[in-house]
Structure formats: structure tokens, C-alpha cells
Amino acid sequence: MAIVIAEPCIGTKDTACVDVCPVDCIHPTKNETEFSNAPQLYINPEECICCSLCIPVCPVAAIYPEEDLPEKWKKFIQINAEWFVPKTP
């Protein structure tokens, strides 16, 4: 299981979730160059420890445990994972 950030984050990118994450698995942070161009924040499924601390602090209710993700947002499982795949030039 992983935690997934879904569609409500698009255009919002509130970083309260970044601040509470004990393993720093939510990116891009405000300090990363990708922040301004990224449409949303993403959780690295390989680093997430599923502590769920990010869920209650999200002001737009965009964060879900994978098994509770609404069907209409299931594609965000892959979207989150793909953000962390190295990009080739």
C-alpha cells in the first residue's frame, strides 16, 4: 500500500503535507526547481512509510491511502509513481 496525491492538488500544491512528512517523500518542495512547473505534489511510493500524517493536513482532501482512492482518481497511482522515474534528456 502507498499513499497517493490525487486531482484536488492540481493547481493548489499546498505544502502542509511536505512539512509533516517524516521521511521527506513528497515532492517537489518549494525549494526544488521543479516546484513552479509541477501541476501538483507527488508521493514517492518507494519512500512512503504510510504513516498517513499528510492526509489530515491537506486543505483540499487530495491525499488518500491507495485502497481508499476514489475510482475516478485511480490513474494518480501511476502519475505519482512516474514523477519519480528518472527522465531521459
PDB file of N, CA and C in Angstrom:
ATOM      1  N   MET A   1       0.839  -1.185   0.000  1.00  0.00           N
ATOM      2  CA  MET A   1       0.000   0.000   0.000  1.00  0.00           C
ATOM      3  C   MET A   1       0.874   1.235   0.000  1.00  0.00           C
ATOM      4  N   ALA A   2       0.337   2.289  -0.591  1.00  0.00           N
ATOM      5  CA  ALA A   2       1.008   3.585  -0.597  1.00  0.00           C
ATOM      6  C   ALA A   2      -0.043   4.654  -0.391  1.00  0.00           C
ATOM      7  N   ILE A   3       0.444   5.827  -0.148  1.00  0.00           N
ATOM      8  CA  ILE A   3      -0.417   6.996  -0.054  1.00  0.00           C
ATOM      9  C   ILE A   3      -0.292   7.726  -1.391  1.00  0.00           C
ATOM     10  N   VAL A   4      -1.397   8.264  -1.901  1.00  0.00           N
ATOM     11  CA  VAL A   4      -1.428   8.870  -3.228  1.00  0.00           C
ATOM     12  C   VAL A   4      -2.020  10.273  -3.154  1.00  0.00           C
ATOM     13  N   ILE A   5      -1.402  11.191  -3.899  1.00  0.00           N
ATOM     14  CA  ILE A   5      -1.957  12.537  -4.036  1.00  0.00           C
ATOM     15  C   ILE A   5      -2.727  12.570  -5.345  1.00  0.00           C
ATOM     16  N   ALA A   6      -3.988  13.006  -5.281  1.00  0.00           N
ATOM     17  CA  ALA A   6      -4.875  12.959  -6.440  1.00  0.00           C
ATOM     18  C   ALA A   6      -5.214  14.358  -6.976  1.00  0.00           C
ATOM     19  N   GLU A   7      -6.172  14.393  -7.864  1.00  0.00           N
ATOM     20  CA  GLU A   7      -6.542  15.571  -8.641  1.00  0.00           C
ATOM     21  C   GLU A   7      -6.770  16.867  -7.856  1.00  0.00           C
ATOM     22  N   PRO A   8      -7.371  16.844  -6.668  1.00  0.00           N
ATOM     23  CA  PRO A   8      -7.598  18.119  -5.985  1.00  0.00           C
ATOM     24  C   PRO A   8      -6.326  18.927  -5.709  1.00  0.00           C
ATOM     25  N   CYS A   9      -5.168  18.287  -5.755  1.00  0.00           N
ATOM     26  CA  CYS A   9      -3.908  19.011  -5.533  1.00  0.00           C
ATOM     27  C   CYS A   9      -3.515  19.851  -6.746  1.00  0.00           C
ATOM     28  N   ILE A  10      -3.997  19.483  -7.916  1.00  0.00           N
ATOM     29  CA  ILE A  10      -3.610  20.202  -9.130  1.00  0.00           C
ATOM     30  C   ILE A  10      -3.968  21.674  -8.994  1.00  0.00           C
ATOM     31  N   GLY A  11      -2.947  22.498  -9.161  1.00  0.00           N
ATOM     32  CA  GLY A  11      -3.131  23.938  -9.064  1.00  0.00           C
ATOM     33  C   GLY A  11      -3.103  24.477  -7.644  1.00  0.00           C
ATOM     34  N   THR A  12      -3.163  23.604  -6.651  1.00  0.00           N
ATOM     35  CA  THR A  12      -3.160  24.036  -5.254  1.00  0.00           C
ATOM     36  C   THR A  12      -1.758  23.948  -4.674  1.00  0.00           C
ATOM     37  N   LYS A  13      -1.181  22.756  -4.696  1.00  0.00           N
ATOM     38  CA  LYS A  13       0.168  22.488  -4.208  1.00  0.00           C
ATOM     39  C   LYS A  13       0.432  23.077  -2.822  1.00  0.00           C
ATOM     40  N   ASP A  14      -0.524  22.942  -1.927  1.00  0.00           N
ATOM     41  CA  ASP A  14      -0.311  23.355  -0.543  1.00  0.00           C
ATOM     42  C   ASP A  14       0.727  22.423   0.061  1.00  0.00           C
ATOM     43  N   THR A  15       1.733  22.968   0.712  1.00  0.00           N
ATOM     44  CA  THR A  15       2.843  22.138   1.189  1.00  0.00           C
ATOM     45  C   THR A  15       2.745  21.749   2.664  1.00  0.00           C
ATOM     46  N   ALA A  16       1.573  21.832   3.239  1.00  0.00           N
ATOM     47  CA  ALA A  16       1.409  21.372   4.625  1.00  0.00           C
ATOM     48  C   ALA A  16       1.794  19.906   4.737  1.00  0.00           C
ATOM     49  N   CYS A  17       1.508  19.126   3.710  1.00  0.00           N
ATOM     50  CA  CYS A  17       1.848  17.704   3.718  1.00  0.00           C
ATOM     51  C   CYS A  17       3.357  17.491   3.729  1.00  0.00           C
ATOM     52  N   VAL A  18       4.070  18.326   3.000  1.00  0.00           N
ATOM     53  CA  VAL A  18       5.528  18.241   2.966  1.00  0.00           C
ATOM     54  C   VAL A  18       6.093  18.473   4.366  1.00  0.00           C
ATOM     55  N   ASP A  19       5.531  19.451   5.058  1.00  0.00           N
ATOM     56  CA  ASP A  19       6.018  19.822   6.386  1.00  0.00           C
ATOM     57  C   ASP A  19       5.855  18.714   7.420  1.00  0.00           C
ATOM     58  N   VAL A  20       4.830  17.883   7.301  1.00  0.00           N
ATOM     59  CA  VAL A  20       4.595  16.831   8.300  1.00  0.00           C
ATOM     60  C   VAL A  20       5.189  15.477   7.932  1.00  0.00           C
ATOM     61  N   CYS A  21       5.649  15.322   6.722  1.00  0.00           N
ATOM     62  CA  CYS A  21       6.168  14.019   6.279  1.00  0.00           C
ATOM     63  C   CYS A  21       7.493  13.700   6.974  1.00  0.00           C
ATOM     64  N   PRO A  22       7.532  12.603   7.739  1.00  0.00           N
ATOM     65  CA  PRO A  22       8.756  12.271   8.473  1.00  0.00           C
ATOM     66  C   PRO A  22       9.872  11.700   7.605  1.00  0.00           C
ATOM     67  N   VAL A  23       9.567  11.294   6.377  1.00  0.00           N
ATOM     68  CA  VAL A  23      10.590  10.701   5.510  1.00  0.00           C
ATOM     69  C   VAL A  23      10.853  11.517   4.247  1.00  0.00           C
ATOM     70  N   ASP A  24      10.289  12.696   4.162  1.00  0.00           N
ATOM     71  CA  ASP A  24      10.518  13.596   3.020  1.00  0.00           C
ATOM     72  C   ASP A  24      10.267  12.928   1.671  1.00  0.00           C
ATOM     73  N   CYS A  25       9.120  12.270   1.555  1.00  0.00           N
ATOM     74  CA  CYS A  25       8.819  11.565   0.306  1.00  0.00           C
ATOM     75  C   CYS A  25       7.863  12.333  -0.600  1.00  0.00           C
ATOM     76  N   ILE A  26       7.485  13.565  -0.220  1.00  0.00           N
ATOM     77  CA  ILE A  26       6.556  14.362  -1.029  1.00  0.00           C
ATOM     78  C   ILE A  26       7.344  15.448  -1.755  1.00  0.00           C
ATOM     79  N   HIS A  27       7.167  15.465  -3.078  1.00  0.00           N
ATOM     80  CA  HIS A  27       7.922  16.394  -3.923  1.00  0.00           C
ATOM     81  C   HIS A  27       7.043  16.918  -5.040  1.00  0.00           C
ATOM     82  N   PRO A  28       7.432  17.993  -5.693  1.00  0.00           N
ATOM     83  CA  PRO A  28       8.574  18.832  -5.371  1.00  0.00           C
ATOM     84  C   PRO A  28       8.261  19.766  -4.211  1.00  0.00           C
ATOM     85  N   THR A  29       9.276  20.061  -3.442  1.00  0.00           N
ATOM     86  CA  THR A  29       9.117  21.017  -2.354  1.00  0.00           C
ATOM     87  C   THR A  29       9.294  22.425  -2.920  1.00  0.00           C
ATOM     88  N   LYS A  30       8.954  23.426  -2.150  1.00  0.00           N
ATOM     89  CA  LYS A  30       9.096  24.815  -2.607  1.00  0.00           C
ATOM     90  C   LYS A  30      10.543  25.157  -2.931  1.00  0.00           C
ATOM     91  N   ASN A  31      11.486  24.428  -2.371  1.00  0.00           N
ATOM     92  CA  ASN A  31      12.905  24.686  -2.610  1.00  0.00           C
ATOM     93  C   ASN A  31      13.448  23.987  -3.853  1.00  0.00           C
ATOM     94  N   GLU A  32      12.665  23.140  -4.490  1.00  0.00           N
ATOM     95  CA  GLU A  32      13.118  22.415  -5.674  1.00  0.00           C
ATOM     96  C   GLU A  32      12.737  23.176  -6.935  1.00  0.00           C
ATOM     97  N   THR A  33      13.597  23.136  -7.925  1.00  0.00           N
ATOM     98  CA  THR A  33      13.370  23.892  -9.153  1.00  0.00           C
ATOM     99  C   THR A  33      12.099  23.460  -9.880  1.00  0.00           C
ATOM    100  N   GLU A  34      11.692  22.208  -9.727  1.00  0.00           N
ATOM    101  CA  GLU A  34      10.505  21.706 -10.416  1.00  0.00           C
ATOM    102  C   GLU A  34       9.200  22.238  -9.836  1.00  0.00           C
ATOM    103  N   PHE A  35       9.250  22.849  -8.656  1.00  0.00           N
ATOM    104  CA  PHE A  35       8.024  23.253  -7.963  1.00  0.00           C
ATOM    105  C   PHE A  35       7.137  24.156  -8.818  1.00  0.00           C
ATOM    106  N   SER A  36       7.699  25.163  -9.434  1.00  0.00           N
ATOM    107  CA  SER A  36       6.863  26.119 -10.168  1.00  0.00           C
ATOM    108  C   SER A  36       6.208  25.500 -11.399  1.00  0.00           C
ATOM    109  N   ASN A  37       6.830  24.508 -12.000  1.00  0.00           N
ATOM    110  CA  ASN A  37       6.270  23.891 -13.209  1.00  0.00           C
ATOM    111  C   ASN A  37       5.416  22.657 -12.952  1.00  0.00           C
ATOM    112  N   ALA A  38       5.538  22.081 -11.787  1.00  0.00           N
ATOM    113  CA  ALA A  38       4.761  20.867 -11.477  1.00  0.00           C
ATOM    114  C   ALA A  38       3.299  21.247 -11.242  1.00  0.00           C
ATOM    115  N   PRO A  39       2.375  20.516 -11.831  1.00  0.00           N
ATOM    116  CA  PRO A  39       0.957  20.830 -11.633  1.00  0.00           C
ATOM    117  C   PRO A  39       0.445  20.477 -10.242  1.00  0.00           C
ATOM    118  N   GLN A  40       1.140  19.553  -9.558  1.00  0.00           N
ATOM    119  CA  GLN A  40       0.702  19.078  -8.248  1.00  0.00           C
ATOM    120  C   GLN A  40       1.911  18.551  -7.488  1.00  0.00           C
ATOM    121  N   LEU A  41       1.686  18.096  -6.263  1.00  0.00           N
ATOM    122  CA  LEU A  41       2.714  17.422  -5.488  1.00  0.00           C
ATOM    123  C   LEU A  41       2.556  15.918  -5.684  1.00  0.00           C
ATOM    124  N   TYR A  42       3.619  15.172  -5.415  1.00  0.00           N
ATOM    125  CA  TYR A  42       3.622  13.730  -5.640  1.00  0.00           C
ATOM    126  C   TYR A  42       4.269  13.019  -4.454  1.00  0.00           C
ATOM    127  N   ILE A  43       3.805  11.820  -4.167  1.00  0.00           N
ATOM    128  CA  ILE A  43       4.387  10.997  -3.112  1.00  0.00           C
ATOM    129  C   ILE A  43       5.170   9.860  -3.750  1.00  0.00           C
ATOM    130  N   ASN A  44       6.417   9.729  -3.337  1.00  0.00           N
ATOM    131  CA  ASN A  44       7.257   8.653  -3.837  1.00  0.00           C
ATOM    132  C   ASN A  44       6.815   7.341  -3.184  1.00  0.00           C
ATOM    133  N   PRO A  45       6.255   6.417  -3.958  1.00  0.00           N
ATOM    134  CA  PRO A  45       5.737   5.173  -3.374  1.00  0.00           C
ATOM    135  C   PRO A  45       6.827   4.273  -2.809  1.00  0.00           C
ATOM    136  N   GLU A  46       8.066   4.463  -3.247  1.00  0.00           N
ATOM    137  CA  GLU A  46       9.175   3.658  -2.737  1.00  0.00           C
ATOM    138  C   GLU A  46       9.654   4.157  -1.372  1.00  0.00           C
ATOM    139  N   GLU A  47       9.421   5.420  -1.075  1.00  0.00           N
ATOM    140  CA  GLU A  47       9.903   6.010   0.179  1.00  0.00           C
ATOM    141  C   GLU A  47       8.810   6.183   1.229  1.00  0.00           C
ATOM    142  N   CYS A  48       7.565   6.225   0.803  1.00  0.00           N
ATOM    143  CA  CYS A  48       6.446   6.460   1.718  1.00  0.00           C
ATOM    144  C   CYS A  48       6.334   5.304   2.724  1.00  0.00           C
ATOM    145  N   ILE A  49       6.217   5.658   3.993  1.00  0.00           N
ATOM    146  CA  ILE A  49       6.077   4.639   5.041  1.00  0.00           C
ATOM    147  C   ILE A  49       4.613   4.485   5.480  1.00  0.00           C
ATOM    148  N   CYS A  50       3.714   5.124   4.769  1.00  0.00           N
ATOM    149  CA  CYS A  50       2.274   5.014   5.012  1.00  0.00           C
ATOM    150  C   CYS A  50       1.879   5.416   6.430  1.00  0.00           C
ATOM    151  N   CYS A  51       2.503   6.444   6.929  1.00  0.00           N
ATOM    152  CA  CYS A  51       2.179   6.913   8.287  1.00  0.00           C
ATOM    153  C   CYS A  51       0.860   7.692   8.314  1.00  0.00           C
ATOM    154  N   SER A  52       0.432   8.183   7.158  1.00  0.00           N
ATOM    155  CA  SER A  52      -0.836   8.915   6.981  1.00  0.00           C
ATOM    156  C   SER A  52      -0.861  10.296   7.637  1.00  0.00           C
ATOM    157  N   LEU A  53       0.268  10.804   8.087  1.00  0.00           N
ATOM    158  CA  LEU A  53       0.291  12.137   8.690  1.00  0.00           C
ATOM    159  C   LEU A  53      -0.093  13.229   7.702  1.00  0.00           C
ATOM    160  N   CYS A  54       0.147  13.004   6.433  1.00  0.00           N
ATOM    161  CA  CYS A  54      -0.157  14.005   5.409  1.00  0.00           C
ATOM    162  C   CYS A  54      -1.651  14.138   5.128  1.00  0.00           C
ATOM    163  N   ILE A  55      -2.402  13.093   5.343  1.00  0.00           N
ATOM    164  CA  ILE A  55      -3.820  13.082   4.969  1.00  0.00           C
ATOM    165  C   ILE A  55      -4.633  14.163   5.679  1.00  0.00           C
ATOM    166  N   PRO A  56      -4.597  14.270   6.993  1.00  0.00           N
ATOM    167  CA  PRO A  56      -5.457  15.258   7.650  1.00  0.00           C
ATOM    168  C   PRO A  56      -5.035  16.722   7.451  1.00  0.00           C
ATOM    169  N   VAL A  57      -3.788  16.967   7.047  1.00  0.00           N
ATOM    170  CA  VAL A  57      -3.352  18.356   6.891  1.00  0.00           C
ATOM    171  C   VAL A  57      -3.611  18.916   5.499  1.00  0.00           C
ATOM    172  N   CYS A  58      -4.014  18.079   4.565  1.00  0.00           N
ATOM    173  CA  CYS A  58      -4.278  18.551   3.200  1.00  0.00           C
ATOM    174  C   CYS A  58      -5.577  19.364   3.180  1.00  0.00           C
ATOM    175  N   PRO A  59      -5.494  20.651   2.820  1.00  0.00           N
ATOM    176  CA  PRO A  59      -6.688  21.502   2.860  1.00  0.00           C
ATOM    177  C   PRO A  59      -7.704  21.212   1.757  1.00  0.00           C
ATOM    178  N   VAL A  60      -7.311  20.430   0.743  1.00  0.00           N
ATOM    179  CA  VAL A  60      -8.236  20.137  -0.355  1.00  0.00           C
ATOM    180  C   VAL A  60      -8.599  18.654  -0.442  1.00  0.00           C
ATOM    181  N   ALA A  61      -8.269  17.889   0.583  1.00  0.00           N
ATOM    182  CA  ALA A  61      -8.587  16.456   0.644  1.00  0.00           C
ATOM    183  C   ALA A  61      -8.141  15.712  -0.612  1.00  0.00           C
ATOM    184  N   ALA A  62      -6.852  15.895  -0.956  1.00  0.00           N
ATOM    185  CA  ALA A  62      -6.304  15.276  -2.159  1.00  0.00           C
ATOM    186  C   ALA A  62      -5.495  14.015  -1.882  1.00  0.00           C
ATOM    187  N   ILE A  63      -5.297  13.666  -0.604  1.00  0.00           N
ATOM    188  CA  ILE A  63      -4.396  12.576  -0.260  1.00  0.00           C
ATOM    189  C   ILE A  63      -5.182  11.399   0.319  1.00  0.00           C
ATOM    190  N   TYR A  64      -4.911  10.213  -0.250  1.00  0.00           N
ATOM    191  CA  TYR A  64      -5.651   9.006   0.132  1.00  0.00           C
ATOM    192  C   TYR A  64      -4.720   7.810   0.246  1.00  0.00           C
ATOM    193  N   PRO A  65      -5.023   6.882   1.135  1.00  0.00           N
ATOM    194  CA  PRO A  65      -4.379   5.577   1.034  1.00  0.00           C
ATOM    195  C   PRO A  65      -4.812   4.968  -0.305  1.00  0.00           C
ATOM    196  N   GLU A  66      -3.923   4.274  -0.952  1.00  0.00           N
ATOM    197  CA  GLU A  66      -4.204   3.719  -2.277  1.00  0.00           C
ATOM    198  C   GLU A  66      -5.523   2.948  -2.324  1.00  0.00           C
ATOM    199  N   GLU A  67      -5.805   2.151  -1.299  1.00  0.00           N
ATOM    200  CA  GLU A  67      -7.027   1.349  -1.326  1.00  0.00           C
ATOM    201  C   GLU A  67      -8.296   2.174  -1.129  1.00  0.00           C
ATOM    202  N   ASP A  68      -8.189   3.407  -0.665  1.00  0.00           N
ATOM    203  CA  ASP A  68      -9.352   4.278  -0.479  1.00  0.00           C
ATOM    204  C   ASP A  68      -9.500   5.329  -1.572  1.00  0.00           C
ATOM    205  N   LEU A  69      -8.600   5.320  -2.512  1.00  0.00           N
ATOM    206  CA  LEU A  69      -8.628   6.294  -3.597  1.00  0.00           C
ATOM    207  C   LEU A  69      -9.900   6.118  -4.422  1.00  0.00           C
ATOM    208  N   PRO A  70     -10.669   7.202  -4.616  1.00  0.00           N
ATOM    209  CA  PRO A  70     -11.876   7.073  -5.439  1.00  0.00           C
ATOM    210  C   PRO A  70     -11.534   6.557  -6.843  1.00  0.00           C
ATOM    211  N   GLU A  71     -12.404   5.758  -7.380  1.00  0.00           N
ATOM    212  CA  GLU A  71     -12.184   5.137  -8.691  1.00  0.00           C
ATOM    213  C   GLU A  71     -11.790   6.159  -9.754  1.00  0.00           C
ATOM    214  N   LYS A  72     -12.439   7.316  -9.732  1.00  0.00           N
ATOM    215  CA  LYS A  72     -12.171   8.338 -10.757  1.00  0.00           C
ATOM    216  C   LYS A  72     -10.741   8.874 -10.698  1.00  0.00           C
ATOM    217  N   TRP A  73     -10.031   8.625  -9.602  1.00  0.00           N
ATOM    218  CA  TRP A  73      -8.661   9.116  -9.459  1.00  0.00           C
ATOM    219  C   TRP A  73      -7.636   7.995  -9.401  1.00  0.00           C
ATOM    220  N   LYS A  74      -7.994   6.785  -9.760  1.00  0.00           N
ATOM    221  CA  LYS A  74      -7.057   5.656  -9.717  1.00  0.00           C
ATOM    222  C   LYS A  74      -5.818   5.898 -10.584  1.00  0.00           C
ATOM    223  N   LYS A  75      -5.954   6.678 -11.647  1.00  0.00           N
ATOM    224  CA  LYS A  75      -4.812   6.950 -12.524  1.00  0.00           C
ATOM    225  C   LYS A  75      -3.696   7.691 -11.794  1.00  0.00           C
ATOM    226  N   PHE A  76      -4.002   8.322 -10.661  1.00  0.00           N
ATOM    227  CA  PHE A  76      -2.999   9.060  -9.921  1.00  0.00           C
ATOM    228  C   PHE A  76      -2.008   8.153  -9.197  1.00  0.00           C
ATOM    229  N   ILE A  77      -2.315   6.882  -9.077  1.00  0.00           N
ATOM    230  CA  ILE A  77      -1.342   5.928  -8.539  1.00  0.00           C
ATOM    231  C   ILE A  77      -0.132   5.911  -9.472  1.00  0.00           C
ATOM    232  N   GLN A  78      -0.400   5.767 -10.745  1.00  0.00           N
ATOM    233  CA  GLN A  78       0.670   5.743 -11.752  1.00  0.00           C
ATOM    234  C   GLN A  78       1.308   7.115 -11.931  1.00  0.00           C
ATOM    235  N   ILE A  79       0.500   8.164 -11.905  1.00  0.00           N
ATOM    236  CA  ILE A  79       1.025   9.528 -12.057  1.00  0.00           C
ATOM    237  C   ILE A  79       2.030   9.836 -10.956  1.00  0.00           C
ATOM    238  N   ASN A  80       1.710   9.472  -9.714  1.00  0.00           N
ATOM    239  CA  ASN A  80       2.641   9.702  -8.608  1.00  0.00           C
ATOM    240  C   ASN A  80       3.924   8.897  -8.818  1.00  0.00           C
ATOM    241  N   ALA A  81       3.798   7.649  -9.171  1.00  0.00           N
ATOM    242  CA  ALA A  81       4.972   6.793  -9.360  1.00  0.00           C
ATOM    243  C   ALA A  81       5.857   7.298 -10.494  1.00  0.00           C
ATOM    244  N   GLU A  82       5.252   7.722 -11.594  1.00  0.00           N
ATOM    245  CA  GLU A  82       6.020   8.161 -12.751  1.00  0.00           C
ATOM    246  C   GLU A  82       6.809   9.437 -12.487  1.00  0.00           C
ATOM    247  N   TRP A  83       6.353  10.268 -11.571  1.00  0.00           N
ATOM    248  CA  TRP A  83       7.075  11.504 -11.267  1.00  0.00           C
ATOM    249  C   TRP A  83       8.498  11.197 -10.796  1.00  0.00           C
ATOM    250  N   PHE A  84       8.687  10.039 -10.195  1.00  0.00           N
ATOM    251  CA  PHE A  84       9.979   9.687  -9.602  1.00  0.00           C
ATOM    252  C   PHE A  84      10.849   8.821 -10.508  1.00  0.00           C
ATOM    253  N   VAL A  85      10.381   8.532 -11.707  1.00  0.00           N
ATOM    254  CA  VAL A  85      11.192   7.785 -12.679  1.00  0.00           C
ATOM    255  C   VAL A  85      12.162   8.779 -13.310  1.00  0.00           C
ATOM    256  N   PRO A  86      13.446   8.451 -13.336  1.00  0.00           N
ATOM    257  CA  PRO A  86      14.428   9.376 -13.943  1.00  0.00           C
ATOM    258  C   PRO A  86      14.033   9.718 -15.379  1.00  0.00           C
ATOM    259  N   LYS A  87      14.106  11.015 -15.670  1.00  0.00           N
ATOM    260  CA  LYS A  87      13.767  11.478 -17.011  1.00  0.00           C
ATOM    261  C   LYS A  87      15.015  11.449 -17.889  1.00  0.00           C
ATOM    262  N   THR A  88      14.854  10.940 -19.092  1.00  0.00           N
ATOM    263  CA  THR A  88      15.985  10.916 -20.026  1.00  0.00           C
ATOM    264  C   THR A  88      15.946  12.186 -20.871  1.00  0.00           C
ATOM    265  N   PRO A  89      17.116  12.758 -21.128  1.00  0.00           N
ATOM    266  CA  PRO A  89      17.160  14.004 -21.920  1.00  0.00           C
ATOM    267  C   PRO A  89      16.773  13.813 -23.358  1.00  0.00           C
TER     268      PRO A  89
END
